[in-house]
Amino acid sequence: MSSSDAADCGDIVLHVAGVDGQIGVVVANEHMTVLQVKRKVQDELGVPFLEQHLILGTTELKDFAELGSQLSSSQSSPATTPRRAELDLTLVRTEPPEENKWLDRDAWNWR
């Protein structure tokens, strides 16, 4: 899919990079929530959504906001505006909160 194809259908090509460089590419719609984007990153790139913090420029994207609204309110440079239909995101991976570990552990041990 080319950038112009993505722009025509409201999709945005997200180039996801981590500390060590490029992780992969995910195509998302501007109407998806950031949490839905994180689930897509989990499914396509293998990074658990609970461990993801997605950063655009210097701003962390908020889970329950639509991707398009986060992009228009961010301090992105002209080279990374939604009209181009391609964005560079940084993924910072962290340990999930302790309560999530406890819930996962107990879900498997339930009798």
Protein backbone atom coordinates (compact mmCIF):
# COMPACT_ATOMS: atom_id res chain seq x y z
CA MET A 1 0.00 0.00 0.00
CA SER A 2 1.40 3.36 -0.94
CA SER A 3 1.11 6.47 1.20
CA SER A 4 -1.47 7.95 -1.16
CA ASP A 5 -3.60 4.78 -0.95
CA ALA A 6 -3.50 5.02 2.85
CA ALA A 7 -4.53 8.69 2.77
CA ASP A 8 -7.46 7.92 0.46
CA CYS A 9 -9.05 5.42 2.85
CA GLY A 10 -8.27 7.22 6.16
CA ASP A 11 -5.54 4.79 7.11
CA ILE A 12 -2.21 5.82 8.57
CA VAL A 13 0.99 3.83 8.10
CA LEU A 14 2.74 3.74 11.48
CA HIS A 15 6.49 3.10 11.49
CA VAL A 16 7.12 1.75 14.99
CA ALA A 17 10.63 2.03 16.39
CA GLY A 18 12.10 1.11 19.75
CA VAL A 19 15.33 1.97 21.50
CA ASP A 20 17.22 -0.49 19.27
CA GLY A 21 15.70 0.75 16.01
CA GLN A 22 12.81 -0.21 13.74
CA ILE A 23 10.37 -2.80 15.18
CA GLY A 24 7.93 -2.88 12.28
CA VAL A 25 5.11 -1.23 10.38
CA VAL A 26 1.40 -1.27 11.28
CA VAL A 27 -1.48 0.23 9.33
CA ALA A 28 -4.16 1.84 11.50
CA ASN A 29 -7.24 3.94 10.86
CA GLU A 30 -7.40 7.47 12.22
CA HIS A 31 -10.68 6.58 13.99
CA MET A 32 -9.14 3.73 16.01
CA THR A 33 -8.35 4.39 19.65
CA VAL A 34 -4.72 4.26 20.67
CA LEU A 35 -5.56 1.13 22.70
CA GLN A 36 -6.84 -0.54 19.51
CA VAL A 37 -3.57 0.45 17.83
CA LYS A 38 -1.66 -1.14 20.73
CA ARG A 39 -3.65 -4.37 20.26
CA LYS A 40 -2.76 -4.29 16.57
CA VAL A 41 0.92 -3.79 17.43
CA GLN A 42 0.63 -6.78 19.79
CA ASP A 43 -0.97 -8.97 17.11
CA GLU A 44 1.35 -7.96 14.28
CA LEU A 45 4.66 -7.21 16.03
CA GLY A 46 4.43 -9.36 19.18
CA VAL A 47 4.78 -6.68 21.86
CA PRO A 48 2.15 -7.18 24.62
CA PHE A 49 -0.18 -4.15 24.73
CA LEU A 50 0.16 -3.81 28.52
CA GLU A 51 3.88 -3.20 28.06
CA GLN A 52 3.53 -0.51 25.37
CA HIS A 53 3.87 3.25 25.62
CA LEU A 54 3.48 4.86 22.18
CA ILE A 55 5.23 8.19 21.74
CA LEU A 56 4.76 10.71 18.92
CA GLY A 57 7.52 13.30 19.08
CA THR A 58 7.68 14.00 22.82
CA THR A 59 4.04 13.19 23.62
CA GLU A 60 2.74 9.85 24.88
CA LEU A 61 -0.47 8.91 23.10
CA LYS A 62 -3.48 8.40 25.39
CA ASP A 63 -5.10 4.94 25.27
CA PHE A 64 -8.75 5.93 25.00
CA ALA A 65 -8.39 8.82 22.56
CA GLU A 66 -8.84 8.38 18.83
CA LEU A 67 -5.57 8.18 16.96
CA GLY A 68 -6.55 11.08 14.67
CA SER A 69 -7.32 13.41 17.59
CA GLN A 70 -4.00 12.59 19.22
CA LEU A 71 -2.16 13.39 16.01
CA SER A 72 -3.87 16.73 15.46
CA SER A 73 -3.19 17.85 19.05
CA SER A 74 0.42 16.65 19.19
CA GLN A 75 3.42 18.85 18.56
CA SER A 76 4.42 16.90 15.48
CA SER A 77 6.61 18.42 12.82
CA PRO A 78 5.27 19.17 9.34
CA ALA A 79 6.95 15.97 8.11
CA THR A 80 4.73 13.86 10.40
CA THR A 81 1.25 15.30 9.93
CA PRO A 82 -1.77 13.01 9.41
CA ARG A 83 -2.21 14.33 5.85
CA ARG A 84 0.91 12.44 4.82
CA ALA A 85 -0.67 9.22 6.13
CA GLU A 86 2.69 8.05 7.51
CA LEU A 87 3.99 8.59 11.02
CA ASP A 88 7.02 7.58 13.03
CA LEU A 89 6.13 6.34 16.52
CA THR A 90 8.48 5.35 19.30
CA LEU A 91 7.48 2.35 21.37
CA VAL A 92 8.81 2.28 24.92
CA ARG A 93 8.34 -1.13 26.50
CA THR A 94 7.88 -1.39 30.26
CA GLU A 95 6.85 -4.04 32.76
CA PRO A 96 3.07 -4.24 33.20
CA PRO A 97 1.71 -2.91 36.49
CA GLU A 98 1.96 -5.36 39.42
CA GLU A 99 -1.82 -5.78 39.66
CA ASN A 100 -1.94 -6.99 36.03
CA LYS A 101 0.69 -9.64 36.77
CA TRP A 102 -1.36 -10.82 39.74
CA LEU A 103 -4.55 -11.00 37.64
CA ASP A 104 -2.79 -12.97 34.87
CA ARG A 105 -1.26 -15.41 37.36
CA ASP A 106 -4.55 -16.06 39.15
CA ALA A 107 -6.52 -16.45 35.93
CA TRP A 108 -4.41 -19.52 35.10
CA ASN A 109 -4.59 -20.96 38.63
CA TRP A 110 -8.37 -20.66 39.04
CA ARG A 111 -10.07 -23.95 40.10
